[in-house]
Full PDB file with SEQRES, HELIX, SHEET, SSBOND, CRYST1, ORIGX, SCALE, CONECT and MASTER records, all heavy atoms in Angstrom:
SEQRES   1 A   41  GLY THR GLU GLN GLN ALA ALA ASP TRP LEU ALA ASP GLN          
SEQRES   2 A   41  LEU HIS LEU SER LEU ALA ARG ALA ASP LEU ALA VAL VAL          
SEQRES   3 A   41  ALA GLN ALA VAL PRO ALA TRP ARG SER ALA ASP HIS SER          
SEQRES   4 A   41  ARG ILE                                                      
HELIX    1 AA1 GLU A    3  GLN A   13  1                                  11    
HELIX    2 AA2 LEU A   14  LEU A   18  3                                   5    
HELIX    3 AA3 ASP A   22  ARG A   34  1                                  13    
CRYST1    1.000    1.000    1.000  90.00  90.00  90.00 P 1           1          
ORIGX1      1.000000  0.000000  0.000000        0.00000                         
ORIGX2      0.000000  1.000000  0.000000        0.00000                         
ORIGX3      0.000000  0.000000  1.000000        0.00000                         
SCALE1      1.000000  0.000000  0.000000        0.00000                         
SCALE2      0.000000  1.000000  0.000000        0.00000                         
SCALE3      0.000000  0.000000  1.000000        0.00000                         
ATOM      1  N   GLY A   1      99.884  90.764 111.607  1.00  0.00           N  
ATOM      2  CA  GLY A   1     100.927  91.735 111.913  1.00  0.00           C  
ATOM      3  C   GLY A   1     101.937  91.966 110.818  1.00  0.00           C  
ATOM      4  O   GLY A   1     102.870  92.761 110.994  1.00  0.00           O  
ATOM      5  N   THR A   2     101.755  91.300 109.669  1.00  0.00           N  
ATOM      6  CA  THR A   2     102.685  91.457 108.562  1.00  0.00           C  
ATOM      7  C   THR A   2     101.909  91.684 107.269  1.00  0.00           C  
ATOM      8  O   THR A   2     100.691  91.453 107.194  1.00  0.00           O  
ATOM      9  CB  THR A   2     103.557  90.207 108.379  1.00  0.00           C  
ATOM     10  OG1 THR A   2     102.724  89.107 107.946  1.00  0.00           O  
ATOM     11  CG2 THR A   2     104.271  89.827 109.677  1.00  0.00           C  
ATOM     12  N   GLU A   3     102.631  92.096 106.246  1.00  0.00           N  
ATOM     13  CA  GLU A   3     102.015  92.280 104.938  1.00  0.00           C  
ATOM     14  C   GLU A   3     101.385  90.984 104.439  1.00  0.00           C  
ATOM     15  O   GLU A   3     100.251  90.984 103.946  1.00  0.00           O  
ATOM     16  CB  GLU A   3     103.067  92.768 103.937  1.00  0.00           C  
ATOM     17  CG  GLU A   3     102.562  92.866 102.511  1.00  0.00           C  
ATOM     18  CD  GLU A   3     103.665  93.176 101.516  1.00  0.00           C  
ATOM     19  OE1 GLU A   3     104.735  93.692 101.926  1.00  0.00           O  
ATOM     20  OE2 GLU A   3     103.460  92.912 100.306  1.00  0.00           O  
ATOM     21  N   GLN A   4     102.107  89.870 104.551  1.00  0.00           N  
ATOM     22  CA  GLN A   4     101.595  88.595 104.055  1.00  0.00           C  
ATOM     23  C   GLN A   4     100.329  88.174 104.786  1.00  0.00           C  
ATOM     24  O   GLN A   4      99.359  87.719 104.181  1.00  0.00           O  
ATOM     25  CB  GLN A   4     102.661  87.502 104.203  1.00  0.00           C  
ATOM     26  CG  GLN A   4     102.270  86.158 103.596  1.00  0.00           C  
ATOM     27  CD  GLN A   4     102.091  86.237 102.094  1.00  0.00           C  
ATOM     28  OE1 GLN A   4     102.968  86.709 101.392  1.00  0.00           O  
ATOM     29  NE2 GLN A   4     100.947  85.788 101.594  1.00  0.00           N  
ATOM     30  N   GLN A   5     100.338  88.335 106.112  1.00  0.00           N  
ATOM     31  CA  GLN A   5      99.161  87.956 106.895  1.00  0.00           C  
ATOM     32  C   GLN A   5      97.962  88.829 106.547  1.00  0.00           C  
ATOM     33  O   GLN A   5      96.843  88.328 106.419  1.00  0.00           O  
ATOM     34  CB  GLN A   5      99.485  88.045 108.385  1.00  0.00           C  
ATOM     35  CG  GLN A   5     100.452  86.979 108.873  1.00  0.00           C  
ATOM     36  CD  GLN A   5     101.003  87.275 110.256  1.00  0.00           C  
ATOM     37  OE1 GLN A   5     101.022  88.421 110.703  1.00  0.00           O  
ATOM     38  NE2 GLN A   5     101.458  86.225 110.943  1.00  0.00           N  
ATOM     39  N   ALA A   6      98.194  90.126 106.391  1.00  0.00           N  
ATOM     40  CA  ALA A   6      97.088  91.026 106.029  1.00  0.00           C  
ATOM     41  C   ALA A   6      96.560  90.715 104.633  1.00  0.00           C  
ATOM     42  O   ALA A   6      95.344  90.716 104.398  1.00  0.00           O  
ATOM     43  CB  ALA A   6      97.548  92.477 106.116  1.00  0.00           C  
ATOM     44  N   ALA A   7      97.477  90.426 103.706  1.00  0.00           N  
ATOM     45  CA  ALA A   7      97.061  90.101 102.336  1.00  0.00           C  
ATOM     46  C   ALA A   7      96.241  88.815 102.311  1.00  0.00           C  
ATOM     47  O   ALA A   7      95.219  88.726 101.623  1.00  0.00           O  
ATOM     48  CB  ALA A   7      98.284  89.970 101.439  1.00  0.00           C  
ATOM     49  N   ASP A   8      96.689  87.802 103.062  1.00  0.00           N  
ATOM     50  CA  ASP A   8      95.948  86.538 103.124  1.00  0.00           C  
ATOM     51  C   ASP A   8      94.562  86.755 103.733  1.00  0.00           C  
ATOM     52  O   ASP A   8      93.564  86.186 103.270  1.00  0.00           O  
ATOM     53  CB  ASP A   8      96.722  85.509 103.948  1.00  0.00           C  
ATOM     54  CG  ASP A   8      97.978  85.008 103.247  1.00  0.00           C  
ATOM     55  OD1 ASP A   8      98.102  85.213 102.024  1.00  0.00           O  
ATOM     56  OD2 ASP A   8      98.832  84.411 103.939  1.00  0.00           O  
ATOM     57  N   TRP A   9      94.516  87.563 104.793  1.00  0.00           N  
ATOM     58  CA  TRP A   9      93.246  87.836 105.458  1.00  0.00           C  
ATOM     59  C   TRP A   9      92.252  88.487 104.494  1.00  0.00           C  
ATOM     60  O   TRP A   9      91.095  88.064 104.388  1.00  0.00           O  
ATOM     61  CB  TRP A   9      93.491  88.745 106.663  1.00  0.00           C  
ATOM     62  CG  TRP A   9      92.249  89.178 107.371  1.00  0.00           C  
ATOM     63  CD1 TRP A   9      91.460  90.255 107.063  1.00  0.00           C  
ATOM     64  CD2 TRP A   9      91.617  88.537 108.485  1.00  0.00           C  
ATOM     65  NE1 TRP A   9      90.391  90.329 107.926  1.00  0.00           N  
ATOM     66  CE2 TRP A   9      90.462  89.295 108.804  1.00  0.00           C  
ATOM     67  CE3 TRP A   9      91.933  87.414 109.250  1.00  0.00           C  
ATOM     68  CZ2 TRP A   9      89.623  88.946 109.859  1.00  0.00           C  
ATOM     69  CZ3 TRP A   9      91.085  87.077 110.311  1.00  0.00           C  
ATOM     70  CH2 TRP A   9      89.960  87.829 110.594  1.00  0.00           C  
ATOM     71  N   LEU A  10      92.706  89.498 103.776  1.00  0.00           N  
ATOM     72  CA  LEU A  10      91.797  90.208 102.875  1.00  0.00           C  
ATOM     73  C   LEU A  10      91.387  89.344 101.688  1.00  0.00           C  
ATOM     74  O   LEU A  10      90.246  89.427 101.224  1.00  0.00           O  
ATOM     75  CB  LEU A  10      92.447  91.505 102.401  1.00  0.00           C  
ATOM     76  CG  LEU A  10      92.653  92.567 103.483  1.00  0.00           C  
ATOM     77  CD1 LEU A  10      93.272  93.829 102.891  1.00  0.00           C  
ATOM     78  CD2 LEU A  10      91.340  92.911 104.186  1.00  0.00           C  
ATOM     79  N   ALA A  11      92.297  88.518 101.192  1.00  0.00           N  
ATOM     80  CA  ALA A  11      91.933  87.616 100.090  1.00  0.00           C  
ATOM     81  C   ALA A  11      90.870  86.621 100.546  1.00  0.00           C  
ATOM     82  O   ALA A  11      89.906  86.335  99.810  1.00  0.00           O  
ATOM     83  CB  ALA A  11      93.177  86.883  99.587  1.00  0.00           C  
ATOM     84  N   ASP A  12      91.034  86.096 101.764  1.00  0.00           N  
ATOM     85  CA  ASP A  12      90.010  85.190 102.290  1.00  0.00           C  
ATOM     86  C   ASP A  12      88.680  85.912 102.454  1.00  0.00           C  
ATOM     87  O   ASP A  12      87.610  85.370 102.149  1.00  0.00           O  
ATOM     88  CB  ASP A  12      90.450  84.623 103.640  1.00  0.00           C  
ATOM     89  CG  ASP A  12      91.529  83.557 103.516  1.00  0.00           C  
ATOM     90  OD1 ASP A  12      91.737  83.057 102.385  1.00  0.00           O  
ATOM     91  OD2 ASP A  12      92.163  83.234 104.540  1.00  0.00           O  
ATOM     92  N   GLN A  13      88.733  87.156 102.943  1.00  0.00           N  
ATOM     93  CA  GLN A  13      87.506  87.924 103.126  1.00  0.00           C  
ATOM     94  C   GLN A  13      86.817  88.183 101.786  1.00  0.00           C  
ATOM     95  O   GLN A  13      85.585  88.122 101.683  1.00  0.00           O  
ATOM     96  CB  GLN A  13      87.814  89.239 103.836  1.00  0.00           C  
ATOM     97  CG  GLN A  13      86.589  89.989 104.326  1.00  0.00           C  
ATOM     98  CD  GLN A  13      86.956  91.140 105.246  1.00  0.00           C  
ATOM     99  OE1 GLN A  13      88.061  91.211 105.755  1.00  0.00           O  
ATOM    100  NE2 GLN A  13      86.028  92.044 105.458  1.00  0.00           N  
ATOM    101  N   LEU A  14      87.604  88.449 100.762  1.00  0.00           N  
ATOM    102  CA  LEU A  14      87.056  88.659  99.420  1.00  0.00           C  
ATOM    103  C   LEU A  14      86.255  87.452  98.964  1.00  0.00           C  
ATOM    104  O   LEU A  14      85.111  87.588  98.496  1.00  0.00           O  
ATOM    105  CB  LEU A  14      88.191  88.951  98.436  1.00  0.00           C  
ATOM    106  CG  LEU A  14      87.842  88.933  96.948  1.00  0.00           C  
ATOM    107  CD1 LEU A  14      86.895  90.077  96.601  1.00  0.00           C  
ATOM    108  CD2 LEU A  14      89.120  89.016  96.100  1.00  0.00           C  
ATOM    109  N   HIS A  15      86.850  86.271  99.079  1.00  0.00           N  
ATOM    110  CA  HIS A  15      86.224  85.064  98.532  1.00  0.00           C  
ATOM    111  C   HIS A  15      85.147  84.473  99.442  1.00  0.00           C  
ATOM    112  O   HIS A  15      84.119  83.981  98.957  1.00  0.00           O  
ATOM    113  CB  HIS A  15      87.292  84.014  98.244  1.00  0.00           C  
ATOM    114  CG  HIS A  15      88.243  84.398  97.161  1.00  0.00           C  
ATOM    115  ND1 HIS A  15      87.865  84.524  95.845  1.00  0.00           N  
ATOM    116  CD2 HIS A  15      89.567  84.718  97.199  1.00  0.00           C  
ATOM    117  CE1 HIS A  15      88.918  84.894  95.108  1.00  0.00           C  
ATOM    118  NE2 HIS A  15      89.951  85.019  95.909  1.00  0.00           N  
ATOM    119  N   LEU A  16      85.384  84.500 100.748  1.00  0.00           N  
ATOM    120  CA  LEU A  16      84.483  83.823 101.675  1.00  0.00           C  
ATOM    121  C   LEU A  16      83.347  84.705 102.165  1.00  0.00           C  
ATOM    122  O   LEU A  16      82.300  84.190 102.576  1.00  0.00           O  
ATOM    123  CB  LEU A  16      85.278  83.306 102.887  1.00  0.00           C  
ATOM    124  CG  LEU A  16      86.387  82.308 102.571  1.00  0.00           C  
ATOM    125  CD1 LEU A  16      87.149  81.939 103.847  1.00  0.00           C  
ATOM    126  CD2 LEU A  16      85.820  81.061 101.906  1.00  0.00           C  
ATOM    127  N   SER A  17      83.540  86.009 102.131  1.00  0.00           N  
ATOM    128  CA  SER A  17      82.518  86.924 102.646  1.00  0.00           C  
ATOM    129  C   SER A  17      81.932  87.805 101.546  1.00  0.00           C  
ATOM    130  O   SER A  17      80.754  87.706 101.217  1.00  0.00           O  
ATOM    131  CB  SER A  17      83.118  87.788 103.761  1.00  0.00           C  
ATOM    132  OG  SER A  17      82.157  88.676 104.282  1.00  0.00           O  
ATOM    133  N   LEU A  18      82.752  88.652 100.948  1.00  0.00           N  
ATOM    134  CA  LEU A  18      82.229  89.620  99.987  1.00  0.00           C  
ATOM    135  C   LEU A  18      81.590  88.940  98.779  1.00  0.00           C  
ATOM    136  O   LEU A  18      80.483  89.308  98.363  1.00  0.00           O  
ATOM    137  CB  LEU A  18      83.357  90.550  99.527  1.00  0.00           C  
ATOM    138  CG  LEU A  18      82.890  91.780  98.744  1.00  0.00           C  
ATOM    139  CD1 LEU A  18      82.263  92.811  99.680  1.00  0.00           C  
ATOM    140  CD2 LEU A  18      84.047  92.413  97.973  1.00  0.00           C  
ATOM    141  N   ALA A  19      82.260  87.961  98.191  1.00  0.00           N  
ATOM    142  CA  ALA A  19      81.754  87.337  96.967  1.00  0.00           C  
ATOM    143  C   ALA A  19      80.433  86.626  97.199  1.00  0.00           C  
ATOM    144  O   ALA A  19      79.552  86.647  96.333  1.00  0.00           O  
ATOM    145  CB  ALA A  19      82.794  86.355  96.418  1.00  0.00           C  
ATOM    146  N   ARG A  20      80.284  86.017  98.360  1.00  0.00           N  
ATOM    147  CA  ARG A  20      79.089  85.217  98.624  1.00  0.00           C  
ATOM    148  C   ARG A  20      77.921  86.049  99.150  1.00  0.00           C  
ATOM    149  O   ARG A  20      76.816  85.519  99.284  1.00  0.00           O  
ATOM    150  CB  ARG A  20      79.417  84.104  99.627  1.00  0.00           C  
ATOM    151  CG  ARG A  20      80.487  83.144  99.136  1.00  0.00           C  
ATOM    152  CD  ARG A  20      80.617  81.923 100.017  1.00  0.00           C  
ATOM    153  NE  ARG A  20      80.961  82.271 101.395  1.00  0.00           N  
ATOM    154  CZ  ARG A  20      81.117  81.356 102.355  1.00  0.00           C  
ATOM    155  NH1 ARG A  20      80.937  80.072 102.089  1.00  0.00           N  
ATOM    156  NH2 ARG A  20      81.446  81.732 103.584  1.00  0.00           N  
ATOM    157  N   ALA A  21      78.177  87.321  99.438  1.00  0.00           N  
ATOM    158  CA  ALA A  21      77.125  88.154 100.015  1.00  0.00           C  
ATOM    159  C   ALA A  21      76.909  89.400  99.172  1.00  0.00           C  
ATOM    160  O   ALA A  21      76.121  89.404  98.229  1.00  0.00           O  
ATOM    161  CB  ALA A  21      77.481  88.498 101.466  1.00  0.00           C  
ATOM    162  N   ASP A  22      77.623  90.485  99.486  1.00  0.00           N  
ATOM    163  CA  ASP A  22      77.316  91.772  98.853  1.00  0.00           C  
ATOM    164  C   ASP A  22      77.565  91.770  97.352  1.00  0.00           C  
ATOM    165  O   ASP A  22      76.815  92.405  96.603  1.00  0.00           O  
ATOM    166  CB  ASP A  22      78.131  92.879  99.522  1.00  0.00           C  
ATOM    167  CG  ASP A  22      77.623  93.200 100.924  1.00  0.00           C  
ATOM    168  OD1 ASP A  22      76.677  92.516 101.381  1.00  0.00           O  
ATOM    169  OD2 ASP A  22      78.161  94.115 101.562  1.00  0.00           O  
ATOM    170  N   LEU A  23      78.608  91.095  96.898  1.00  0.00           N  
ATOM    171  CA  LEU A  23      78.838  91.036  95.450  1.00  0.00           C  
ATOM    172  C   LEU A  23      77.693  90.311  94.748  1.00  0.00           C  
ATOM    173  O   LEU A  23      77.265  90.720  93.659  1.00  0.00           O  
ATOM    174  CB  LEU A  23      80.162  90.327  95.141  1.00  0.00           C  
ATOM    175  CG  LEU A  23      81.417  91.169  95.021  1.00  0.00           C  
ATOM    176  CD1 LEU A  23      82.610  90.286  94.667  1.00  0.00           C  
ATOM    177  CD2 LEU A  23      81.258  92.272  93.994  1.00  0.00           C  
ATOM    178  N   ALA A  24      77.215  89.238  95.353  1.00  0.00           N  
ATOM    179  CA  ALA A  24      76.094  88.504  94.761  1.00  0.00           C  
ATOM    180  C   ALA A  24      74.835  89.361  94.741  1.00  0.00           C  
ATOM    181  O   ALA A  24      74.027  89.274  93.804  1.00  0.00           O  
ATOM    182  CB  ALA A  24      75.856  87.213  95.542  1.00  0.00           C  
ATOM    183  N   VAL A  25      74.652  90.202  95.748  1.00  0.00           N  
ATOM    184  CA  VAL A  25      73.509  91.111  95.774  1.00  0.00           C  
ATOM    185  C   VAL A  25      73.619  92.139  94.646  1.00  0.00           C  
ATOM    186  O   VAL A  25      72.646  92.399  93.922  1.00  0.00           O  
ATOM    187  CB  VAL A  25      73.406  91.812  97.141  1.00  0.00           C  
ATOM    188  CG1 VAL A  25      72.403  92.966  97.087  1.00  0.00           C  
ATOM    189  CG2 VAL A  25      73.008  90.820  98.217  1.00  0.00           C  
ATOM    190  N   VAL A  26      74.793  92.733  94.471  1.00  0.00           N  
ATOM    191  CA  VAL A  26      74.992  93.698  93.390  1.00  0.00           C  
ATOM    192  C   VAL A  26      74.697  93.047  92.039  1.00  0.00           C  
ATOM    193  O   VAL A  26      74.031  93.635  91.175  1.00  0.00           O  
ATOM    194  CB  VAL A  26      76.421  94.275  93.419  1.00  0.00           C  
ATOM    195  CG1 VAL A  26      76.684  95.125  92.173  1.00  0.00           C  
ATOM    196  CG2 VAL A  26      76.636  95.108  94.680  1.00  0.00           C  
ATOM    197  N   ALA A  27      75.183  91.816  91.852  1.00  0.00           N  
ATOM    198  CA  ALA A  27      74.994  91.109  90.589  1.00  0.00           C  
ATOM    199  C   ALA A  27      73.516  90.950  90.258  1.00  0.00           C  
ATOM    200  O   ALA A  27      73.113  91.024  89.087  1.00  0.00           O  
ATOM    201  CB  ALA A  27      75.670  89.745  90.654  1.00  0.00           C  
ATOM    202  N   GLN A  28      72.687  90.734  91.271  1.00  0.00           N  
ATOM    203  CA  GLN A  28      71.255  90.536  91.035  1.00  0.00           C  
ATOM    204  C   GLN A  28      70.473  91.844  91.047  1.00  0.00           C  
ATOM    205  O   GLN A  28      69.423  91.958  90.411  1.00  0.00           O  
ATOM    206  CB  GLN A  28      70.707  89.571  92.088  1.00  0.00           C  
ATOM    207  CG  GLN A  28      71.304  88.178  91.993  1.00  0.00           C  
ATOM    208  CD  GLN A  28      70.831  87.250  93.093  1.00  0.00           C  
ATOM    209  OE1 GLN A  28      69.778  87.464  93.687  1.00  0.00           O  
ATOM    210  NE2 GLN A  28      71.594  86.213  93.364  1.00  0.00           N  
ATOM    211  N   ALA A  29      70.993  92.828  91.785  1.00  0.00           N  
ATOM    212  CA  ALA A  29      70.255  94.088  91.899  1.00  0.00           C  
ATOM    213  C   ALA A  29      70.378  94.960  90.656  1.00  0.00           C  
ATOM    214  O   ALA A  29      69.452  95.708  90.335  1.00  0.00           O  
ATOM    215  CB  ALA A  29      70.740  94.863  93.130  1.00  0.00           C  
ATOM    216  N   VAL A  30      71.508  94.891  89.946  1.00  0.00           N  
ATOM    217  CA  VAL A  30      71.672  95.718  88.750  1.00  0.00           C  
ATOM    218  C   VAL A  30      70.577  95.423  87.722  1.00  0.00           C  
ATOM    219  O   VAL A  30      69.870  96.350  87.273  1.00  0.00           O  
ATOM    220  CB  VAL A  30      73.082  95.561  88.149  1.00  0.00           C  
ATOM    221  CG1 VAL A  30      73.152  96.180  86.755  1.00  0.00           C  
ATOM    222  CG2 VAL A  30      74.129  96.207  89.054  1.00  0.00           C  
ATOM    223  N   PRO A  31      70.362  94.146  87.319  1.00  0.00           N  
ATOM    224  CA  PRO A  31      69.262  93.907  86.372  1.00  0.00           C  
ATOM    225  C   PRO A  31      67.888  94.184  86.965  1.00  0.00           C  
ATOM    226  O   PRO A  31      66.965  94.571  86.232  1.00  0.00           O  
ATOM    227  CB  PRO A  31      69.436  92.424  85.999  1.00  0.00           C  
ATOM    228  CG  PRO A  31      70.264  91.832  87.085  1.00  0.00           C  
ATOM    229  CD  PRO A  31      71.147  92.925  87.571  1.00  0.00           C  
ATOM    230  N   ALA A  32      67.726  94.007  88.274  1.00  0.00           N  
ATOM    231  CA  ALA A  32      66.433  94.301  88.898  1.00  0.00           C  
ATOM    232  C   ALA A  32      66.117  95.793  88.825  1.00  0.00           C  
ATOM    233  O   ALA A  32      64.975  96.184  88.544  1.00  0.00           O  
ATOM    234  CB  ALA A  32      66.434  93.826  90.350  1.00  0.00           C  
ATOM    235  N   TRP A  33      67.105  96.639  89.051  1.00  0.00           N  
ATOM    236  CA  TRP A  33      66.892  98.086  88.914  1.00  0.00           C  
ATOM    237  C   TRP A  33      66.541  98.434  87.473  1.00  0.00           C  
ATOM    238  O   TRP A  33      65.652  99.261  87.221  1.00  0.00           O  
ATOM    239  CB  TRP A  33      68.145  98.855  89.328  1.00  0.00           C  
ATOM    240  CG  TRP A  33      68.314  99.096  90.793  1.00  0.00           C  
ATOM    241  CD1 TRP A  33      69.353  98.711  91.587  1.00  0.00           C  
ATOM    242  CD2 TRP A  33      67.430  99.825  91.657  1.00  0.00           C  
ATOM    243  NE1 TRP A  33      69.172  99.137  92.881  1.00  0.00           N  
ATOM    244  CE2 TRP A  33      67.995  99.837  92.945  1.00  0.00           C  
ATOM    245  CE3 TRP A  33      66.211 100.481  91.459  1.00  0.00           C  
ATOM    246  CZ2 TRP A  33      67.395 100.472  94.036  1.00  0.00           C  
ATOM    247  CZ3 TRP A  33      65.600 101.112  92.538  1.00  0.00           C  
ATOM    248  CH2 TRP A  33      66.187 101.101  93.808  1.00  0.00           C  
ATOM    249  N   ARG A  34      67.232  97.808  86.524  1.00  0.00           N  
ATOM    250  CA  ARG A  34      66.983  98.140  85.113  1.00  0.00           C  
ATOM    251  C   ARG A  34      65.592  97.732  84.651  1.00  0.00           C  
ATOM    252  O   ARG A  34      65.018  98.362  83.757  1.00  0.00           O  
ATOM    253  CB  ARG A  34      68.060  97.483  84.241  1.00  0.00           C  
ATOM    254  CG  ARG A  34      69.400  98.200  84.345  1.00  0.00           C  
ATOM    255  CD  ARG A  34      70.481  97.531  83.552  1.00  0.00           C  
ATOM    256  NE  ARG A  34      71.688  98.372  83.561  1.00  0.00           N  
ATOM    257  CZ  ARG A  34      72.914  97.904  83.387  1.00  0.00           C  
ATOM    258  NH1 ARG A  34      73.109  96.613  83.170  1.00  0.00           N  
ATOM    259  NH2 ARG A  34      73.945  98.727  83.410  1.00  0.00           N  
ATOM    260  N   SER A  35      65.052  96.701  85.250  1.00  0.00           N  
ATOM    261  CA  SER A  35      63.710  96.258  84.874  1.00  0.00           C  
ATOM    262  C   SER A  35      62.637  96.830  85.787  1.00  0.00           C  
ATOM    263  O   SER A  35      61.470  96.438  85.698  1.00  0.00           O  
ATOM    264  CB  SER A  35      63.638  94.726  84.890  1.00  0.00           C  
ATOM    265  OG  SER A  35      63.900  94.229  86.201  1.00  0.00           O  
ATOM    266  N   ALA A  36      63.038  97.746  86.676  1.00  0.00           N  
ATOM    267  CA  ALA A  36      62.116  98.390  87.624  1.00  0.00           C  
ATOM    268  C   ALA A  36      61.374  97.359  88.469  1.00  0.00           C  
ATOM    269  O   ALA A  36      60.190  97.524  88.793  1.00  0.00           O  
ATOM    270  CB  ALA A  36      61.133  99.295  86.891  1.00  0.00           C  
ATOM    271  N   ASP A  37      62.085  96.302  88.845  1.00  0.00           N  
ATOM    272  CA  ASP A  37      61.506  95.246  89.684  1.00  0.00           C  
ATOM    273  C   ASP A  37      61.707  95.624  91.153  1.00  0.00           C  
ATOM    274  O   ASP A  37      62.598  95.131  91.834  1.00  0.00           O  
ATOM    275  CB  ASP A  37      62.178  93.909  89.371  1.00  0.00           C  
ATOM    276  CG  ASP A  37      61.476  92.730  90.023  1.00  0.00           C  
ATOM    277  OD1 ASP A  37      60.646  92.960  90.926  1.00  0.00           O  
ATOM    278  OD2 ASP A  37      61.790  91.578  89.658  1.00  0.00           O  
ATOM    279  N   HIS A  38      60.846  96.510  91.637  1.00  0.00           N  
ATOM    280  CA  HIS A  38      61.034  97.067  92.972  1.00  0.00           C  
ATOM    281  C   HIS A  38      60.784  96.053  94.073  1.00  0.00           C  
ATOM    282  O   HIS A  38      61.376  96.151  95.159  1.00  0.00           O  
ATOM    283  CB  HIS A  38      60.149  98.298  93.147  1.00  0.00           C  
ATOM    284  CG  HIS A  38      60.501  99.410  92.207  1.00  0.00           C  
ATOM    285  ND1 HIS A  38      61.674 100.128  92.305  1.00  0.00           N  
ATOM    286  CD2 HIS A  38      59.844  99.913  91.129  1.00  0.00           C  
ATOM    287  CE1 HIS A  38      61.721 101.036  91.355  1.00  0.00           C  
ATOM    288  NE2 HIS A  38      60.629 100.921  90.621  1.00  0.00           N  
ATOM    289  N   SER A  39      59.930  95.075  93.821  1.00  0.00           N  
ATOM    290  CA  SER A  39      59.722  94.034  94.825  1.00  0.00           C  
ATOM    291  C   SER A  39      60.988  93.192  94.992  1.00  0.00           C  
ATOM    292  O   SER A  39      61.345  92.806  96.113  1.00  0.00           O  
ATOM    293  CB  SER A  39      58.532  93.143  94.444  1.00  0.00           C  
ATOM    294  OG  SER A  39      58.763  92.479  93.208  1.00  0.00           O  
ATOM    295  N   ARG A  40      61.666  92.929  93.888  1.00  0.00           N  
ATOM    296  CA  ARG A  40      62.923  92.183  93.952  1.00  0.00           C  
ATOM    297  C   ARG A  40      63.997  93.006  94.680  1.00  0.00           C  
ATOM    298  O   ARG A  40      64.745  92.471  95.503  1.00  0.00           O  
ATOM    299  CB  ARG A  40      63.393  91.837  92.536  1.00  0.00           C  
ATOM    300  CG  ARG A  40      64.738  91.145  92.439  1.00  0.00           C  
ATOM    301  CD  ARG A  40      64.705  89.804  93.128  1.00  0.00           C  
ATOM    302  NE  ARG A  40      65.931  89.050  92.860  1.00  0.00           N  
ATOM    303  CZ  ARG A  40      66.347  88.036  93.621  1.00  0.00           C  
ATOM    304  NH1 ARG A  40      65.636  87.641  94.678  1.00  0.00           N  
ATOM    305  NH2 ARG A  40      67.457  87.399  93.323  1.00  0.00           N  
ATOM    306  N   ILE A  41      64.067  94.283  94.393  1.00  0.00           N  
ATOM    307  CA  ILE A  41      65.008  95.167  95.083  1.00  0.00           C  
ATOM    308  C   ILE A  41      64.750  95.147  96.583  1.00  0.00           C  
ATOM    309  O   ILE A  41      65.681  95.079  97.392  1.00  0.00           O  
ATOM    310  CB  ILE A  41      64.906  96.598  94.533  1.00  0.00           C  
ATOM    311  CG1 ILE A  41      65.454  96.666  93.096  1.00  0.00           C  
ATOM    312  CG2 ILE A  41      65.632  97.578  95.434  1.00  0.00           C  
ATOM    313  CD1 ILE A  41      66.927  96.348  92.976  1.00  0.00           C  
TER     314      ILE A  41                                                      
MASTER        0    0    0    3    0    0    0    6  313    1    0    4          
END                                                                             
């Protein structure tokens, strides 16, 4: 309900959810697309 609480929530979501999932997928998918590794994609 406050700026601090929302900021803490989003920072936790960044590190605990986004970084360990979708960001890690992007990190691996970029070189896979460049090498045309469609099975990896």
